C-alpha atoms as a PDB file:
ATOM      1  CA  MET A   1      -0.015   0.009   0.000  1.00  0.00           C
ATOM      2  CA  THR A   2       1.275   3.487  -0.781  1.00  0.00           C
ATOM      3  CA  ASP A   3       1.444   6.116   1.907  1.00  0.00           C
ATOM      4  CA  ASP A   4      -1.596   8.361   2.023  1.00  0.00           C
ATOM      5  CA  LEU A   5      -1.441  10.995   4.709  1.00  0.00           C
ATOM      6  CA  SER A   6      -4.800  12.542   3.817  1.00  0.00           C
ATOM      7  CA  PRO A   7      -8.250  11.266   4.918  1.00  0.00           C
ATOM      8  CA  LEU A   8      -9.755  12.952   1.844  1.00  0.00           C
ATOM      9  CA  PRO A   9     -11.027  10.708  -0.936  1.00  0.00           C
ATOM     10  CA  PRO A  10      -8.647  10.174  -3.838  1.00  0.00           C
ATOM     11  CA  SER A  11      -9.271  11.915  -7.125  1.00  0.00           C
ATOM     12  CA  LEU A  12     -10.715   9.648  -9.786  1.00  0.00           C
ATOM     13  CA  THR A  13     -10.595  12.292 -12.538  1.00  0.00           C
ATOM     14  CA  SER A  14     -10.666  10.668 -16.002  1.00  0.00           C
ATOM     15  CA  ARG A  15     -11.643   7.256 -14.566  1.00  0.00           C
ATOM     16  CA  VAL A  16     -14.758   5.525 -15.892  1.00  0.00           C
ATOM     17  CA  ALA A  17     -16.886   3.164 -13.788  1.00  0.00           C
ATOM     18  CA  ILE A  18     -19.854   0.924 -14.205  1.00  0.00           C
ATOM     19  CA  VAL A  19     -22.128   0.513 -11.162  1.00  0.00           C
ATOM     20  CA  THR A  20     -24.852  -2.119 -11.587  1.00  0.00           C
ATOM     21  CA  GLY A  21     -27.973  -1.527  -9.519  1.00  0.00           C
ATOM     22  CA  GLY A  22     -26.999   2.110  -9.385  1.00  0.00           C
ATOM     23  CA  GLY A  23     -30.458   3.683  -8.940  1.00  0.00           C
ATOM     24  CA  ARG A  24     -31.081   3.065  -5.254  1.00  0.00           C
ATOM     25  CA  GLY A  25     -29.520   2.086  -1.920  1.00  0.00           C
ATOM     26  CA  LEU A  26     -25.840   1.190  -1.943  1.00  0.00           C
ATOM     27  CA  GLY A  27     -25.706   1.560  -5.713  1.00  0.00           C
ATOM     28  CA  ARG A  28     -27.005   5.110  -5.629  1.00  0.00           C
ATOM     29  CA  ALA A  29     -24.521   6.052  -2.859  1.00  0.00           C
ATOM     30  CA  MET A  30     -21.623   4.558  -4.753  1.00  0.00           C
ATOM     31  CA  THR A  31     -22.598   6.101  -8.053  1.00  0.00           C
ATOM     32  CA  LEU A  32     -22.791   9.574  -6.498  1.00  0.00           C
ATOM     33  CA  GLY A  33     -19.626   9.061  -4.525  1.00  0.00           C
ATOM     34  CA  LEU A  34     -17.662   8.054  -7.607  1.00  0.00           C
ATOM     35  CA  ALA A  35     -19.066  11.024  -9.539  1.00  0.00           C
ATOM     36  CA  ARG A  36     -18.142  13.424  -6.730  1.00  0.00           C
ATOM     37  CA  ALA A  37     -14.594  12.039  -6.805  1.00  0.00           C
ATOM     38  CA  GLY A  38     -14.338  12.948 -10.464  1.00  0.00           C
ATOM     39  CA  ALA A  39     -15.240   9.672 -12.232  1.00  0.00           C
ATOM     40  CA  HIS A  40     -17.725   9.213 -15.015  1.00  0.00           C
ATOM     41  CA  VAL A  41     -20.211   6.459 -14.208  1.00  0.00           C
ATOM     42  CA  VAL A  42     -22.512   4.250 -16.227  1.00  0.00           C
ATOM     43  CA  ALA A  43     -25.244   3.352 -13.734  1.00  0.00           C
ATOM     44  CA  THR A  44     -27.485   0.495 -14.596  1.00  0.00           C
ATOM     45  CA  ALA A  45     -30.783  -1.037 -13.393  1.00  0.00           C
ATOM     46  CA  SER A  46     -32.922  -3.801 -14.815  1.00  0.00           C
ATOM     47  CA  ARG A  47     -36.145  -1.795 -14.830  1.00  0.00           C
ATOM     48  CA  GLU A  48     -36.204   1.379 -12.750  1.00  0.00           C
ATOM     49  CA  SER A  49     -35.214   4.018 -15.310  1.00  0.00           C
ATOM     50  CA  ALA A  50     -36.811   6.864 -13.314  1.00  0.00           C
ATOM     51  CA  GLU A  51     -34.543   6.195 -10.342  1.00  0.00           C
ATOM     52  CA  LEU A  52     -31.487   6.126 -12.607  1.00  0.00           C
ATOM     53  CA  ASP A  53     -32.503   9.429 -14.205  1.00  0.00           C
ATOM     54  CA  ALA A  54     -32.824  10.979 -10.794  1.00  0.00           C
ATOM     55  CA  VAL A  55     -29.348   9.895  -9.792  1.00  0.00           C
ATOM     56  CA  ALA A  56     -27.941  11.288 -13.043  1.00  0.00           C
ATOM     57  CA  ARG A  57     -29.643  14.650 -12.411  1.00  0.00           C
ATOM     58  CA  GLU A  58     -28.363  14.744  -8.846  1.00  0.00           C
ATOM     59  CA  ALA A  59     -24.784  14.008  -9.954  1.00  0.00           C
ATOM     60  CA  GLY A  60     -25.008  16.741 -12.629  1.00  0.00           C
ATOM     61  CA  ASP A  61     -22.364  17.740 -15.195  1.00  0.00           C
ATOM     62  CA  GLY A  62     -22.953  14.667 -17.326  1.00  0.00           C
ATOM     63  CA  ARG A  63     -21.081  12.568 -14.818  1.00  0.00           C
ATOM     64  CA  VAL A  64     -23.629   9.740 -14.727  1.00  0.00           C
ATOM     65  CA  LEU A  65     -25.051   7.972 -17.734  1.00  0.00           C
ATOM     66  CA  PRO A  66     -28.187   5.972 -16.843  1.00  0.00           C
ATOM     67  CA  LEU A  67     -28.746   2.778 -18.679  1.00  0.00           C
ATOM     68  CA  VAL A  68     -31.460   0.090 -18.343  1.00  0.00           C
ATOM     69  CA  ALA A  69     -29.811  -3.283 -18.590  1.00  0.00           C
ATOM     70  CA  ASP A  70     -30.331  -6.689 -17.012  1.00  0.00           C
ATOM     71  CA  VAL A  71     -27.149  -8.274 -15.593  1.00  0.00           C
ATOM     72  CA  THR A  72     -28.608 -11.743 -16.049  1.00  0.00           C
ATOM     73  CA  ARG A  73     -28.420 -11.297 -19.838  1.00  0.00           C
ATOM     74  CA  ALA A  74     -24.991 -11.662 -21.476  1.00  0.00           C
ATOM     75  CA  ALA A  75     -26.013  -9.374 -24.349  1.00  0.00           C
ATOM     76  CA  ASP A  76     -27.059  -6.641 -21.950  1.00  0.00           C
ATOM     77  CA  CYS A  77     -23.765  -6.909 -20.085  1.00  0.00           C
ATOM     78  CA  ALA A  78     -21.822  -6.558 -23.303  1.00  0.00           C
ATOM     79  CA  ARG A  79     -23.952  -3.525 -24.217  1.00  0.00           C
ATOM     80  CA  VAL A  80     -23.182  -1.817 -20.896  1.00  0.00           C
ATOM     81  CA  VAL A  81     -19.398  -2.183 -21.490  1.00  0.00           C
ATOM     82  CA  ALA A  82     -19.743  -1.060 -25.104  1.00  0.00           C
ATOM     83  CA  THR A  83     -21.773   1.989 -23.988  1.00  0.00           C
ATOM     84  CA  ALA A  84     -19.079   2.994 -21.482  1.00  0.00           C
ATOM     85  CA  LEU A  85     -16.379   2.803 -24.153  1.00  0.00           C
ATOM     86  CA  GLU A  86     -18.529   4.643 -26.715  1.00  0.00           C
ATOM     87  CA  HIS A  87     -19.467   7.532 -24.418  1.00  0.00           C
ATOM     88  CA  PHE A  88     -16.331   7.874 -22.264  1.00  0.00           C
ATOM     89  CA  GLY A  89     -13.585   6.096 -24.215  1.00  0.00           C
ATOM     90  CA  ARG A  90     -12.400   3.742 -21.468  1.00  0.00           C
ATOM     91  CA  LEU A  91     -13.413   1.514 -18.604  1.00  0.00           C
ATOM     92  CA  ASP A  92     -11.486   1.420 -15.320  1.00  0.00           C
ATOM     93  CA  ILE A  93     -13.898   0.188 -12.660  1.00  0.00           C
ATOM     94  CA  LEU A  94     -16.694  -2.340 -12.403  1.00  0.00           C
ATOM     95  CA  VAL A  95     -18.842  -2.419  -9.264  1.00  0.00           C
ATOM     96  CA  ASN A  96     -21.064  -5.522  -9.171  1.00  0.00           C
ATOM     97  CA  ASN A  97     -23.833  -4.225  -6.896  1.00  0.00           C
ATOM     98  CA  ALA A  98     -27.064  -5.353  -8.561  1.00  0.00           C
ATOM     99  CA  GLY A  99     -28.760  -7.939  -6.318  1.00  0.00           C
ATOM    100  CA  ARG A 100     -31.988  -9.566  -5.268  1.00  0.00           C
ATOM    101  CA  GLY A 101     -32.658 -10.151  -1.598  1.00  0.00           C
ATOM    102  CA  MET A 102     -34.860 -12.134   0.741  1.00  0.00           C
ATOM    103  CA  LYS A 103     -37.962 -10.006   0.304  1.00  0.00           C
ATOM    104  CA  TYR A 104     -38.575 -11.888  -2.981  1.00  0.00           C
ATOM    105  CA  VAL A 105     -38.954 -15.064  -0.865  1.00  0.00           C
ATOM    106  CA  SER A 106     -41.185 -13.351   1.712  1.00  0.00           C
ATOM    107  CA  GLU A 107     -41.883  -9.867   3.059  1.00  0.00           C
ATOM    108  CA  ARG A 108     -41.801 -11.497   6.547  1.00  0.00           C
ATOM    109  CA  PHE A 109     -38.381 -13.119   6.127  1.00  0.00           C
ATOM    110  CA  LEU A 110     -36.998 -11.332   9.221  1.00  0.00           C
ATOM    111  CA  SER A 111     -39.740 -12.520  11.542  1.00  0.00           C
ATOM    112  CA  GLU A 112     -40.764 -15.768   9.880  1.00  0.00           C
ATOM    113  CA  PRO A 113     -37.674 -17.456   8.329  1.00  0.00           C
ATOM    114  CA  ALA A 114     -38.527 -19.550   5.262  1.00  0.00           C
ATOM    115  CA  ARG A 115     -37.030 -23.028   5.106  1.00  0.00           C
ATOM    116  CA  PHE A 116     -35.177 -23.807   1.900  1.00  0.00           C
ATOM    117  CA  TRP A 117     -37.793 -26.269   0.618  1.00  0.00           C
ATOM    118  CA  GLU A 118     -40.458 -23.581   0.939  1.00  0.00           C
ATOM    119  CA  VAL A 119     -38.686 -21.260  -1.505  1.00  0.00           C
ATOM    120  CA  ALA A 120     -40.263 -21.272  -4.952  1.00  0.00           C
ATOM    121  CA  PRO A 121     -37.808 -22.582  -7.557  1.00  0.00           C
ATOM    122  CA  GLU A 122     -38.334 -19.554  -9.737  1.00  0.00           C
ATOM    123  CA  VAL A 123     -37.445 -17.213  -6.891  1.00  0.00           C
ATOM    124  CA  TRP A 124     -34.272 -19.229  -6.072  1.00  0.00           C
ATOM    125  CA  GLN A 125     -33.275 -19.090  -9.765  1.00  0.00           C
ATOM    126  CA  MET A 126     -33.919 -15.321  -9.947  1.00  0.00           C
ATOM    127  CA  VAL A 127     -31.691 -14.574  -6.916  1.00  0.00           C
ATOM    128  CA  ILE A 128     -28.893 -16.837  -8.093  1.00  0.00           C
ATOM    129  CA  ASP A 129     -29.101 -15.452 -11.620  1.00  0.00           C
ATOM    130  CA  THR A 130     -28.769 -11.876 -10.350  1.00  0.00           C
ATOM    131  CA  ASN A 131     -26.374 -12.289  -7.458  1.00  0.00           C
ATOM    132  CA  VAL A 132     -24.014 -14.987  -8.868  1.00  0.00           C
ATOM    133  CA  ASN A 133     -24.412 -15.128 -12.644  1.00  0.00           C
ATOM    134  CA  GLY A 134     -24.835 -11.386 -13.065  1.00  0.00           C
ATOM    135  CA  PRO A 135     -21.398 -10.532 -11.628  1.00  0.00           C
ATOM    136  CA  PHE A 136     -19.837 -13.229 -13.718  1.00  0.00           C
ATOM    137  CA  LEU A 137     -21.420 -11.954 -16.917  1.00  0.00           C
ATOM    138  CA  MET A 138     -20.470  -8.344 -16.165  1.00  0.00           C
ATOM    139  CA  ALA A 139     -16.885  -9.235 -15.212  1.00  0.00           C
ATOM    140  CA  ARG A 140     -16.591 -11.419 -18.292  1.00  0.00           C
ATOM    141  CA  ALA A 141     -17.716  -8.532 -20.480  1.00  0.00           C
ATOM    142  CA  ALA A 142     -15.384  -6.044 -18.787  1.00  0.00           C
ATOM    143  CA  ALA A 143     -12.252  -8.069 -18.402  1.00  0.00           C
ATOM    144  CA  PRO A 144     -10.980  -7.967 -22.079  1.00  0.00           C
ATOM    145  CA  THR A 145     -11.025  -4.110 -22.064  1.00  0.00           C
ATOM    146  CA  MET A 146      -9.260  -3.963 -18.696  1.00  0.00           C
ATOM    147  CA  LEU A 147      -6.684  -6.550 -19.814  1.00  0.00           C
ATOM    148  CA  GLN A 148      -5.906  -4.510 -22.895  1.00  0.00           C
ATOM    149  CA  ALA A 149      -5.408  -1.393 -20.759  1.00  0.00           C
ATOM    150  CA  GLY A 150      -3.299  -3.278 -18.250  1.00  0.00           C
ATOM    151  CA  ARG A 151      -5.307  -1.930 -15.317  1.00  0.00           C
ATOM    152  CA  GLY A 152      -8.752  -2.289 -13.735  1.00  0.00           C
ATOM    153  CA  ARG A 153     -10.782  -2.621 -10.604  1.00  0.00           C
ATOM    154  CA  ILE A 154     -13.601  -5.136 -10.053  1.00  0.00           C
ATOM    155  CA  VAL A 155     -15.532  -4.748  -6.811  1.00  0.00           C
ATOM    156  CA  ASN A 156     -18.152  -7.261  -5.761  1.00  0.00           C
ATOM    157  CA  ILE A 157     -20.654  -6.113  -3.120  1.00  0.00           C
ATOM    158  CA  SER A 158     -20.899  -8.771  -0.419  1.00  0.00           C
ATOM    159  CA  MET A 159     -22.281  -9.149   3.087  1.00  0.00           C
ATOM    160  CA  ASN A 160     -21.398 -10.409   6.581  1.00  0.00           C
ATOM    161  CA  HIS A 161     -20.335 -14.091   6.846  1.00  0.00           C
ATOM    162  CA  GLU A 162     -22.855 -14.443   9.694  1.00  0.00           C
ATOM    163  CA  THR A 163     -25.689 -13.637   7.293  1.00  0.00           C
ATOM    164  CA  MET A 164     -24.432 -16.249   4.831  1.00  0.00           C
ATOM    165  CA  ARG A 165     -24.983 -18.806   7.579  1.00  0.00           C
ATOM    166  CA  ARG A 166     -28.206 -17.416   8.980  1.00  0.00           C
ATOM    167  CA  ARG A 167     -31.250 -19.702   9.291  1.00  0.00           C
ATOM    168  CA  GLY A 168     -33.908 -18.940   6.678  1.00  0.00           C
ATOM    169  CA  PHE A 169     -31.602 -16.936   4.405  1.00  0.00           C
ATOM    170  CA  SER A 170     -31.757 -19.191   1.350  1.00  0.00           C
ATOM    171  CA  PRO A 171     -31.027 -18.337  -1.383  1.00  0.00           C
ATOM    172  CA  TYR A 172     -29.542 -14.910  -0.529  1.00  0.00           C
ATOM    173  CA  GLY A 173     -26.903 -16.260   1.850  1.00  0.00           C
ATOM    174  CA  PRO A 174     -25.669 -18.967  -0.556  1.00  0.00           C
ATOM    175  CA  SER A 175     -25.579 -16.421  -3.402  1.00  0.00           C
ATOM    176  CA  LYS A 176     -23.232 -14.113  -1.513  1.00  0.00           C
ATOM    177  CA  ALA A 177     -21.018 -16.985  -0.397  1.00  0.00           C
ATOM    178  CA  ALA A 178     -20.659 -17.895  -4.052  1.00  0.00           C
ATOM    179  CA  LEU A 179     -19.842 -14.270  -4.898  1.00  0.00           C
ATOM    180  CA  GLU A 180     -16.963 -14.301  -2.415  1.00  0.00           C
ATOM    181  CA  SER A 181     -15.675 -17.493  -3.984  1.00  0.00           C
ATOM    182  CA  GLU A 182     -15.872 -15.780  -7.343  1.00  0.00           C
ATOM    183  CA  THR A 183     -13.940 -12.828  -5.916  1.00  0.00           C
ATOM    184  CA  LEU A 184     -11.107 -14.972  -4.643  1.00  0.00           C
ATOM    185  CA  ILE A 185     -10.838 -17.147  -7.748  1.00  0.00           C
ATOM    186  CA  TRP A 186     -11.000 -14.195 -10.204  1.00  0.00           C
ATOM    187  CA  ALA A 187      -8.299 -12.363  -8.238  1.00  0.00           C
ATOM    188  CA  GLN A 188      -6.018 -15.363  -8.761  1.00  0.00           C
ATOM    189  CA  ASP A 189      -6.942 -15.616 -12.441  1.00  0.00           C
ATOM    190  CA  LEU A 190      -6.076 -11.939 -12.936  1.00  0.00           C
ATOM    191  CA  ALA A 191      -2.899 -11.867 -10.817  1.00  0.00           C
ATOM    192  CA  GLY A 192      -0.144  -9.915 -12.530  1.00  0.00           C
ATOM    193  CA  THR A 193      -2.471  -8.251 -15.065  1.00  0.00           C
ATOM    194  CA  GLY A 194      -2.993  -4.941 -13.203  1.00  0.00           C
ATOM    195  CA  ILE A 195      -6.611  -5.800 -12.535  1.00  0.00           C
ATOM    196  CA  THR A 196      -7.664  -6.380  -8.928  1.00  0.00           C
ATOM    197  CA  VAL A 197     -10.812  -8.110  -7.661  1.00  0.00           C
ATOM    198  CA  ASN A 198     -12.096  -7.436  -4.192  1.00  0.00           C
ATOM    199  CA  ALA A 199     -15.298  -7.741  -2.162  1.00  0.00           C
ATOM    200  CA  LEU A 200     -16.855  -4.826  -0.257  1.00  0.00           C
ATOM    201  CA  LEU A 201     -19.603  -4.987   2.317  1.00  0.00           C
ATOM    202  CA  PRO A 202     -21.384  -2.352   4.455  1.00  0.00           C
ATOM    203  CA  GLY A 203     -20.879  -4.492   7.583  1.00  0.00           C
ATOM    204  CA  GLY A 204     -24.453  -4.769   8.784  1.00  0.00           C
ATOM    205  CA  ALA A 205     -28.089  -4.334   7.873  1.00  0.00           C
ATOM    206  CA  THR A 206     -28.366  -1.263   5.699  1.00  0.00           C
ATOM    207  CA  ALA A 207     -31.236   1.042   4.804  1.00  0.00           C
ATOM    208  CA  THR A 208     -31.830  -0.198   1.270  1.00  0.00           C
ATOM    209  CA  GLY A 209     -34.731  -1.543  -0.787  1.00  0.00           C
ATOM    210  CA  MET A 210     -33.940  -5.026   0.507  1.00  0.00           C
ATOM    211  CA  ILE A 211     -35.440  -4.139   3.915  1.00  0.00           C
ATOM    212  CA  PRO A 212     -39.183  -4.716   3.929  1.00  0.00           C
ATOM    213  CA  ALA A 213     -41.444  -1.721   4.519  1.00  0.00           C
ATOM    214  CA  SER A 214     -43.005  -3.557   7.427  1.00  0.00           C
ATOM    215  CA  VAL A 215     -39.841  -3.385   9.555  1.00  0.00           C
ATOM    216  CA  PRO A 216     -40.616  -1.401  12.775  1.00  0.00           C
ATOM    217  CA  GLU A 217     -39.254   2.163  13.016  1.00  0.00           C
ATOM    218  CA  GLN A 218     -37.119   1.298  16.048  1.00  0.00           C
ATOM    219  CA  VAL A 219     -35.334  -1.361  13.982  1.00  0.00           C
ATOM    220  CA  ARG A 220     -35.101   0.866  10.878  1.00  0.00           C
ATOM    221  CA  ALA A 221     -33.398   3.556  13.019  1.00  0.00           C
ATOM    222  CA  GLN A 222     -30.529   1.179  13.686  1.00  0.00           C
ATOM    223  CA  LEU A 223     -29.804   0.447   9.995  1.00  0.00           C
ATOM    224  CA  LEU A 224     -26.580   1.605   8.485  1.00  0.00           C
ATOM    225  CA  ASP A 225     -26.646   4.531   6.085  1.00  0.00           C
ATOM    226  CA  PRO A 226     -25.735   3.446   2.506  1.00  0.00           C
ATOM    227  CA  ASP A 227     -23.134   6.219   2.391  1.00  0.00           C
ATOM    228  CA  ILE A 228     -20.988   4.181   4.774  1.00  0.00           C
ATOM    229  CA  ILE A 229     -19.672   2.202   1.811  1.00  0.00           C
ATOM    230  CA  VAL A 230     -18.364   5.193  -0.182  1.00  0.00           C
ATOM    231  CA  PRO A 231     -15.008   5.967   1.586  1.00  0.00           C
ATOM    232  CA  PRO A 232     -13.651   2.416   1.338  1.00  0.00           C
ATOM    233  CA  LEU A 233     -14.946   2.072  -2.243  1.00  0.00           C
ATOM    234  CA  LEU A 234     -13.076   5.232  -3.341  1.00  0.00           C
ATOM    235  CA  TRP A 235      -9.883   3.961  -1.788  1.00  0.00           C
ATOM    236  CA  LEU A 236     -10.344   0.514  -3.296  1.00  0.00           C
ATOM    237  CA  VAL A 237     -10.694   1.779  -6.854  1.00  0.00           C
ATOM    238  CA  SER A 238      -7.826   4.271  -6.550  1.00  0.00           C
ATOM    239  CA  ASP A 239      -4.112   3.793  -7.270  1.00  0.00           C
ATOM    240  CA  ALA A 240      -3.499   3.421  -3.528  1.00  0.00           C
ATOM    241  CA  SER A 241      -4.902  -0.113  -3.548  1.00  0.00           C
ATOM    242  CA  ASP A 242      -2.751  -1.422  -6.443  1.00  0.00           C
ATOM    243  CA  SER A 243      -1.415  -4.317  -4.240  1.00  0.00           C
ATOM    244  CA  ILE A 244      -4.778  -5.350  -2.811  1.00  0.00           C
ATOM    245  CA  SER A 245      -6.638  -8.186  -4.509  1.00  0.00           C
ATOM    246  CA  GLY A 246      -8.636 -11.177  -3.360  1.00  0.00           C
ATOM    247  CA  GLN A 247      -9.648  -9.325  -0.198  1.00  0.00           C
ATOM    248  CA  ARG A 248     -12.846  -8.108   1.446  1.00  0.00           C
ATOM    249  CA  LEU A 249     -13.320  -4.685   3.044  1.00  0.00           C
ATOM    250  CA  ASP A 250     -15.840  -4.191   5.799  1.00  0.00           C
ATOM    251  CA  ALA A 251     -17.037  -0.574   5.580  1.00  0.00           C
ATOM    252  CA  SER A 252     -18.261  -0.591   9.204  1.00  0.00           C
ATOM    253  CA  ARG A 253     -14.608  -1.005  10.282  1.00  0.00           C
ATOM    254  CA  TRP A 254     -13.412   1.941   8.135  1.00  0.00           C
ATOM    255  CA  ARG A 255     -12.249   4.883  10.273  1.00  0.00           C
ATOM    256  CA  THR A 256     -12.885   8.132   8.469  1.00  0.00           C
ATOM    257  CA  ASP A 257     -10.762   9.991  11.025  1.00  0.00           C
ATOM    258  CA  LEU A 258      -7.656   8.048   9.991  1.00  0.00           C
ATOM    259  CA  PRO A 259      -5.412   8.328   6.938  1.00  0.00           C
ATOM    260  CA  ALA A 260      -6.788   6.075   4.192  1.00  0.00           C
ATOM    261  CA  THR A 261      -4.041   3.441   4.411  1.00  0.00           C
ATOM    262  CA  ASP A 262      -4.615   3.055   8.144  1.00  0.00           C
ATOM    263  CA  ALA A 263      -8.375   2.892   7.679  1.00  0.00           C
ATOM    264  CA  ALA A 264      -7.908   0.278   4.982  1.00  0.00           C
ATOM    265  CA  LYS A 265      -5.736  -1.881   7.245  1.00  0.00           C
ATOM    266  CA  ALA A 266      -8.518  -1.943   9.839  1.00  0.00           C
ATOM    267  CA  ALA A 267     -11.175  -2.816   7.269  1.00  0.00           C
ATOM    268  CA  ILE A 268      -9.410  -5.473   5.163  1.00  0.00           C
ATOM    269  CA  GLN A 269     -10.112  -9.181   5.605  1.00  0.00           C
ATOM    270  CA  GLY A 270      -9.384 -12.107   3.317  1.00  0.00           C
ATOM    271  CA  ALA A 271     -12.104 -12.831   0.795  1.00  0.00           C
ATOM    272  CA  GLY A 272     -13.873 -16.149   0.896  1.00  0.00           C
ATOM    273  CA  TRP A 273     -14.546 -18.158   4.083  1.00  0.00           C
ATOM    274  CA  PRO A 274     -12.371 -17.226   7.107  1.00  0.00           C
ATOM    275  CA  VAL A 275      -9.506 -19.627   7.647  1.00  0.00           C
ATOM    276  CA  GLY A 276     -10.283 -21.936  10.555  1.00  0.00           C
ATOM    277  CA  ALA A 277     -14.002 -20.972  10.614  1.00  0.00           C
ATOM    278  CA  ALA A 278     -16.444 -23.666  11.542  1.00  0.00           C
END
């Protein structure tokens, strides 16, 4: 890691990013954070064009290009990459954020855990397609351009290991465990190419669209703000993280009062399952 004596976010001027699921929640926070740091961003969503347009207006200055695309379709993923190259001339960063959560299984998943055999097969398939296959298809589409440039950042949005093991969290938990495996394997596949692959998680339940509207206000008040993920993301996609790949960063452990390199040391863990974990 290079020395960074400033807690301010690094400049990403001239960098171009793709953020899937960029219209709401963590995706919106990351899209706006990247734009504020100087990057141009292609923000995608499978359906919600109005939300994407609102994010683009908020970012201003043509920083964000909204694009409706479904990460479960290889042709759409190729179109997203082609659009970034056509409009901005390069591609430096891919943030695989688009995801489907437990509310598609049941709006009561927090209070009435569904057992795996009670999950409709089509819901299981939808979650796995979005959370596991989607990042693969996007990374597969982006990798050739990054390889040609000799540099790139792939960031997969993950979650706590405890949630991956939580009762009643099929198929969301298994999908994120698979994503961390993808992270670790892709980092090894891309070693020595200048492209890094890391996982990033907020570190706890976050106020996003994955939380049912029925959650009591006292519980909702304890949810993390999606903006918590922005400082570690900006560091992770900057030049300061050149030597970091195959890791996971827990945003809840990031100290904004510390220099970025010190904050990163506190937040970094190995991607995949913890060594020695039961």
